[in-house]
Amino acid sequence: MHIKSRIKKIKKLIEDKKGEKIIVLDLKGLTWITDYFIIASGNTTIQTKAIAENIILNIPENPISIEGMDDGKWILIDYDEIIVHIFLEETRNYYKLEKLWADAKIVEI
């Protein structure tokens, strides 16, 4: 699946579980870690876990790693060129990934 199509599908899967404040950052040329971050928020750990499970179950590729499913405050799903971050709002405000990666372009998909 083309990378932009995968990003669009992941964004839709987040929206399906009422994820909020979804942002896609283009990190190409800024880091070797990945090409894109998808960052989203949930209101409860039950919701963040439901968002993550929806992505994992509906994206055909297996993630390289999944972190944070136990506590649900910050769930990271690594698909190599796309890393998905699902935060509780308070955790997102604390870590401020968007500020940390302020040089990245915001992608409208």
N, C-alpha and C. Protein backbone atom coordinates (compact mmCIF):
# COMPACT_ATOMS: atom_id res chain seq x y z
N MET A 1 0.85 -1.18 0.00
CA MET A 1 0.00 0.00 0.00
C MET A 1 0.90 1.24 0.00
N HIS A 2 0.59 2.20 -0.86
CA HIS A 2 1.32 3.46 -0.95
C HIS A 2 1.31 4.18 0.40
N ILE A 3 2.39 4.85 0.74
CA ILE A 3 2.52 5.45 2.08
C ILE A 3 1.42 6.48 2.37
N LYS A 4 1.08 7.32 1.39
CA LYS A 4 0.02 8.33 1.62
C LYS A 4 -1.33 7.64 1.85
N SER A 5 -1.57 6.53 1.15
CA SER A 5 -2.80 5.76 1.35
C SER A 5 -2.84 5.16 2.75
N ARG A 6 -1.69 4.67 3.21
CA ARG A 6 -1.63 4.11 4.57
C ARG A 6 -1.88 5.18 5.62
N ILE A 7 -1.29 6.36 5.42
CA ILE A 7 -1.51 7.47 6.35
C ILE A 7 -2.99 7.83 6.39
N LYS A 8 -3.60 7.92 5.21
CA LYS A 8 -5.03 8.27 5.13
C LYS A 8 -5.87 7.21 5.85
N LYS A 9 -5.53 5.94 5.65
CA LYS A 9 -6.28 4.86 6.30
C LYS A 9 -6.12 4.90 7.82
N ILE A 10 -4.90 5.13 8.29
CA ILE A 10 -4.66 5.21 9.73
C ILE A 10 -5.44 6.38 10.32
N LYS A 11 -5.42 7.52 9.63
CA LYS A 11 -6.17 8.69 10.10
C LYS A 11 -7.65 8.37 10.22
N LYS A 12 -8.20 7.67 9.24
CA LYS A 12 -9.61 7.28 9.26
C LYS A 12 -9.90 6.33 10.42
N LEU A 13 -9.00 5.39 10.67
CA LEU A 13 -9.18 4.44 11.77
C LEU A 13 -9.16 5.16 13.12
N ILE A 14 -8.35 6.20 13.24
CA ILE A 14 -8.33 7.02 14.45
C ILE A 14 -9.67 7.76 14.60
N GLU A 15 -10.12 8.36 13.50
CA GLU A 15 -11.40 9.09 13.51
C GLU A 15 -12.57 8.17 13.84
N ASP A 16 -12.51 6.93 13.37
CA ASP A 16 -13.58 5.96 13.64
C ASP A 16 -13.78 5.72 15.14
N LYS A 17 -12.72 5.88 15.91
CA LYS A 17 -12.79 5.69 17.37
C LYS A 17 -12.79 7.04 18.11
N LYS A 18 -13.15 8.08 17.37
CA LYS A 18 -13.32 9.43 17.94
C LYS A 18 -12.03 10.03 18.48
N GLY A 19 -10.88 9.63 17.87
CA GLY A 19 -9.61 10.28 18.22
C GLY A 19 -9.66 11.74 17.82
N GLU A 20 -8.92 12.56 18.53
CA GLU A 20 -8.97 14.01 18.33
C GLU A 20 -7.60 14.58 18.02
N LYS A 21 -7.61 15.81 17.51
CA LYS A 21 -6.39 16.59 17.25
C LYS A 21 -5.35 15.77 16.48
N ILE A 22 -5.80 15.17 15.38
CA ILE A 22 -4.92 14.34 14.57
C ILE A 22 -4.02 15.24 13.73
N ILE A 23 -2.74 14.97 13.79
CA ILE A 23 -1.77 15.74 13.01
C ILE A 23 -0.78 14.76 12.38
N VAL A 24 -0.38 15.05 11.14
CA VAL A 24 0.61 14.25 10.44
C VAL A 24 1.83 15.14 10.20
N LEU A 25 2.99 14.70 10.67
CA LEU A 25 4.23 15.44 10.49
C LEU A 25 5.13 14.72 9.50
N ASP A 26 5.65 15.45 8.54
CA ASP A 26 6.61 14.92 7.57
C ASP A 26 8.01 15.15 8.14
N LEU A 27 8.68 14.07 8.49
CA LEU A 27 10.00 14.15 9.12
C LEU A 27 11.14 13.81 8.17
N LYS A 28 10.82 13.62 6.88
CA LYS A 28 11.88 13.28 5.93
C LYS A 28 12.96 14.36 5.94
N GLY A 29 14.20 13.93 6.04
CA GLY A 29 15.32 14.85 6.07
C GLY A 29 15.64 15.40 7.46
N LEU A 30 14.78 15.13 8.44
CA LEU A 30 15.01 15.63 9.80
C LEU A 30 15.53 14.54 10.74
N THR A 31 15.23 13.28 10.43
CA THR A 31 15.65 12.16 11.27
C THR A 31 15.72 10.89 10.43
N TRP A 32 16.51 9.96 10.88
CA TRP A 32 16.60 8.66 10.21
C TRP A 32 15.57 7.68 10.79
N ILE A 33 14.92 8.06 11.87
CA ILE A 33 14.02 7.15 12.59
C ILE A 33 12.82 6.75 11.75
N THR A 34 12.20 7.73 11.08
CA THR A 34 10.97 7.49 10.33
C THR A 34 10.74 8.63 9.36
N ASP A 35 9.77 8.46 8.48
CA ASP A 35 9.41 9.54 7.54
C ASP A 35 8.23 10.37 8.04
N TYR A 36 7.30 9.74 8.77
CA TYR A 36 6.10 10.43 9.22
C TYR A 36 5.74 10.06 10.65
N PHE A 37 5.25 11.04 11.39
CA PHE A 37 4.58 10.83 12.66
C PHE A 37 3.10 11.12 12.43
N ILE A 38 2.25 10.26 12.96
CA ILE A 38 0.83 10.58 13.08
C ILE A 38 0.58 10.69 14.58
N ILE A 39 0.09 11.84 15.01
CA ILE A 39 -0.13 12.10 16.43
C ILE A 39 -1.62 12.35 16.64
N ALA A 40 -2.18 11.70 17.65
CA ALA A 40 -3.61 11.86 17.95
C ALA A 40 -3.82 11.78 19.46
N SER A 41 -4.97 12.27 19.90
CA SER A 41 -5.32 12.25 21.32
C SER A 41 -6.61 11.49 21.56
N GLY A 42 -6.68 10.90 22.74
CA GLY A 42 -7.91 10.29 23.23
C GLY A 42 -8.21 10.85 24.61
N ASN A 43 -9.44 10.71 25.06
CA ASN A 43 -9.86 11.29 26.33
C ASN A 43 -9.66 10.37 27.53
N THR A 44 -9.58 9.07 27.28
CA THR A 44 -9.39 8.10 28.36
C THR A 44 -8.43 7.02 27.86
N THR A 45 -7.87 6.25 28.80
CA THR A 45 -6.99 5.16 28.38
C THR A 45 -7.78 4.08 27.64
N ILE A 46 -9.04 3.91 27.98
CA ILE A 46 -9.87 2.96 27.24
C ILE A 46 -9.97 3.38 25.78
N GLN A 47 -10.14 4.68 25.55
CA GLN A 47 -10.23 5.18 24.18
C GLN A 47 -8.89 5.07 23.44
N THR A 48 -7.78 5.42 24.09
CA THR A 48 -6.49 5.33 23.41
C THR A 48 -6.18 3.89 23.01
N LYS A 49 -6.52 2.96 23.90
CA LYS A 49 -6.30 1.54 23.60
C LYS A 49 -7.21 1.08 22.47
N ALA A 50 -8.45 1.55 22.44
CA ALA A 50 -9.39 1.19 21.37
C ALA A 50 -8.90 1.73 20.02
N ILE A 51 -8.37 2.95 20.02
CA ILE A 51 -7.82 3.53 18.78
C ILE A 51 -6.66 2.67 18.30
N ALA A 52 -5.74 2.35 19.20
CA ALA A 52 -4.58 1.53 18.83
C ALA A 52 -5.00 0.17 18.31
N GLU A 53 -5.92 -0.49 18.98
CA GLU A 53 -6.38 -1.80 18.54
C GLU A 53 -7.04 -1.73 17.18
N ASN A 54 -7.79 -0.67 16.92
CA ASN A 54 -8.44 -0.49 15.63
C ASN A 54 -7.40 -0.38 14.52
N ILE A 55 -6.33 0.34 14.78
CA ILE A 55 -5.26 0.47 13.78
C ILE A 55 -4.58 -0.88 13.57
N ILE A 56 -4.17 -1.52 14.65
CA ILE A 56 -3.43 -2.78 14.56
C ILE A 56 -4.24 -3.85 13.84
N LEU A 57 -5.54 -3.91 14.11
CA LEU A 57 -6.39 -4.93 13.49
C LEU A 57 -6.70 -4.65 12.02
N ASN A 58 -6.63 -3.39 11.59
CA ASN A 58 -7.09 -3.03 10.25
C ASN A 58 -6.00 -2.58 9.28
N ILE A 59 -4.77 -2.51 9.74
CA ILE A 59 -3.65 -2.25 8.83
C ILE A 59 -2.99 -3.60 8.58
N PRO A 60 -2.90 -4.01 7.31
CA PRO A 60 -2.43 -5.36 7.03
C PRO A 60 -0.97 -5.62 7.42
N GLU A 61 -0.12 -4.61 7.40
CA GLU A 61 1.27 -4.80 7.78
C GLU A 61 1.38 -4.97 9.28
N ASN A 62 2.29 -5.83 9.69
CA ASN A 62 2.55 -5.99 11.12
C ASN A 62 3.47 -4.87 11.58
N PRO A 63 3.17 -4.24 12.70
CA PRO A 63 4.07 -3.20 13.20
C PRO A 63 5.40 -3.79 13.65
N ILE A 64 6.45 -2.98 13.56
CA ILE A 64 7.76 -3.39 14.05
C ILE A 64 7.70 -3.51 15.57
N SER A 65 7.02 -2.55 16.20
CA SER A 65 6.85 -2.61 17.65
C SER A 65 5.61 -1.84 18.07
N ILE A 66 5.12 -2.21 19.23
CA ILE A 66 3.98 -1.54 19.86
C ILE A 66 4.39 -1.30 21.30
N GLU A 67 4.31 -0.06 21.74
CA GLU A 67 4.70 0.29 23.10
C GLU A 67 3.54 1.02 23.78
N GLY A 68 3.40 0.84 25.08
CA GLY A 68 2.47 1.63 25.88
C GLY A 68 1.05 1.12 25.97
N MET A 69 0.76 -0.05 25.43
CA MET A 69 -0.62 -0.57 25.47
C MET A 69 -1.07 -0.88 26.90
N ASP A 70 -0.15 -1.20 27.77
CA ASP A 70 -0.54 -1.55 29.15
C ASP A 70 -1.17 -0.38 29.89
N ASP A 71 -0.52 0.79 29.84
CA ASP A 71 -1.10 1.91 30.59
C ASP A 71 -1.94 2.84 29.73
N GLY A 72 -1.70 2.88 28.42
CA GLY A 72 -2.56 3.63 27.51
C GLY A 72 -2.38 5.13 27.51
N LYS A 73 -1.40 5.65 28.26
CA LYS A 73 -1.19 7.10 28.30
C LYS A 73 -0.51 7.61 27.03
N TRP A 74 0.42 6.81 26.51
CA TRP A 74 1.13 7.12 25.27
C TRP A 74 1.38 5.79 24.58
N ILE A 75 0.64 5.55 23.52
CA ILE A 75 0.80 4.31 22.77
C ILE A 75 1.53 4.64 21.48
N LEU A 76 2.58 3.90 21.20
CA LEU A 76 3.38 4.09 19.99
C LEU A 76 3.27 2.83 19.14
N ILE A 77 2.91 3.01 17.88
CA ILE A 77 2.84 1.89 16.94
C ILE A 77 3.80 2.23 15.81
N ASP A 78 4.85 1.41 15.65
CA ASP A 78 5.92 1.68 14.69
C ASP A 78 5.74 0.82 13.44
N TYR A 79 5.43 1.49 12.33
CA TYR A 79 5.33 0.83 11.03
C TYR A 79 6.51 1.20 10.14
N ASP A 80 7.67 1.46 10.72
CA ASP A 80 8.90 1.82 10.03
C ASP A 80 8.83 3.25 9.49
N GLU A 81 8.27 3.45 8.30
CA GLU A 81 8.24 4.82 7.76
C GLU A 81 7.10 5.66 8.32
N ILE A 82 6.21 5.04 9.09
CA ILE A 82 5.15 5.76 9.79
C ILE A 82 5.16 5.32 11.25
N ILE A 83 5.23 6.28 12.16
CA ILE A 83 5.10 5.97 13.58
C ILE A 83 3.86 6.70 14.09
N VAL A 84 2.96 5.94 14.71
CA VAL A 84 1.71 6.48 15.22
C VAL A 84 1.86 6.67 16.73
N HIS A 85 1.53 7.89 17.19
CA HIS A 85 1.54 8.22 18.61
C HIS A 85 0.11 8.52 19.03
N ILE A 86 -0.40 7.79 20.00
CA ILE A 86 -1.75 8.02 20.52
C ILE A 86 -1.60 8.38 22.00
N PHE A 87 -2.00 9.59 22.32
CA PHE A 87 -1.79 10.14 23.65
C PHE A 87 -3.09 10.39 24.39
N LEU A 88 -3.04 10.29 25.71
CA LEU A 88 -4.01 10.99 26.53
C LEU A 88 -3.66 12.46 26.38
N GLU A 89 -4.63 13.34 26.39
CA GLU A 89 -4.38 14.76 26.15
C GLU A 89 -3.34 15.33 27.13
N GLU A 90 -3.43 14.99 28.41
CA GLU A 90 -2.48 15.53 29.39
C GLU A 90 -1.06 15.05 29.12
N THR A 91 -0.91 13.81 28.65
CA THR A 91 0.41 13.28 28.32
C THR A 91 0.94 13.97 27.07
N ARG A 92 0.09 14.19 26.10
CA ARG A 92 0.49 14.89 24.87
C ARG A 92 0.96 16.31 25.20
N ASN A 93 0.23 16.99 26.08
CA ASN A 93 0.63 18.34 26.48
C ASN A 93 1.95 18.36 27.22
N TYR A 94 2.24 17.30 27.96
CA TYR A 94 3.49 17.22 28.71
C TYR A 94 4.70 17.02 27.78
N TYR A 95 4.59 16.08 26.83
CA TYR A 95 5.72 15.75 25.97
C TYR A 95 5.88 16.68 24.76
N LYS A 96 4.81 17.30 24.31
CA LYS A 96 4.86 18.32 23.26
C LYS A 96 5.67 17.90 22.03
N LEU A 97 5.33 16.75 21.45
CA LEU A 97 6.06 16.28 20.27
C LEU A 97 6.00 17.28 19.12
N GLU A 98 4.86 17.93 18.95
CA GLU A 98 4.75 18.91 17.87
C GLU A 98 5.76 20.03 18.03
N LYS A 99 6.01 20.44 19.26
CA LYS A 99 7.00 21.49 19.53
C LYS A 99 8.41 20.95 19.33
N LEU A 100 8.64 19.74 19.80
CA LEU A 100 9.95 19.11 19.65
C LEU A 100 10.33 18.98 18.17
N TRP A 101 9.34 18.66 17.34
CA TRP A 101 9.57 18.48 15.90
C TRP A 101 8.99 19.67 15.12
N ALA A 102 9.18 20.86 15.62
CA ALA A 102 8.61 22.07 15.01
C ALA A 102 9.13 22.32 13.60
N ASP A 103 10.28 21.78 13.24
CA ASP A 103 10.82 21.95 11.89
C ASP A 103 10.11 21.07 10.86
N ALA A 104 9.34 20.12 11.33
CA ALA A 104 8.64 19.21 10.40
C ALA A 104 7.46 19.92 9.75
N LYS A 105 7.20 19.53 8.51
CA LYS A 105 6.04 20.06 7.80
C LYS A 105 4.79 19.31 8.24
N ILE A 106 3.70 20.04 8.42
CA ILE A 106 2.41 19.42 8.70
C ILE A 106 1.81 19.00 7.36
N VAL A 107 1.41 17.74 7.28
CA VAL A 107 0.84 17.20 6.04
C VAL A 107 -0.67 17.17 6.14
N GLU A 108 -1.32 17.72 5.14
CA GLU A 108 -2.79 17.67 5.08
C GLU A 108 -3.20 16.47 4.25
N ILE A 109 -3.84 15.51 4.91
CA ILE A 109 -4.29 14.30 4.19
C ILE A 109 -5.75 14.07 4.50
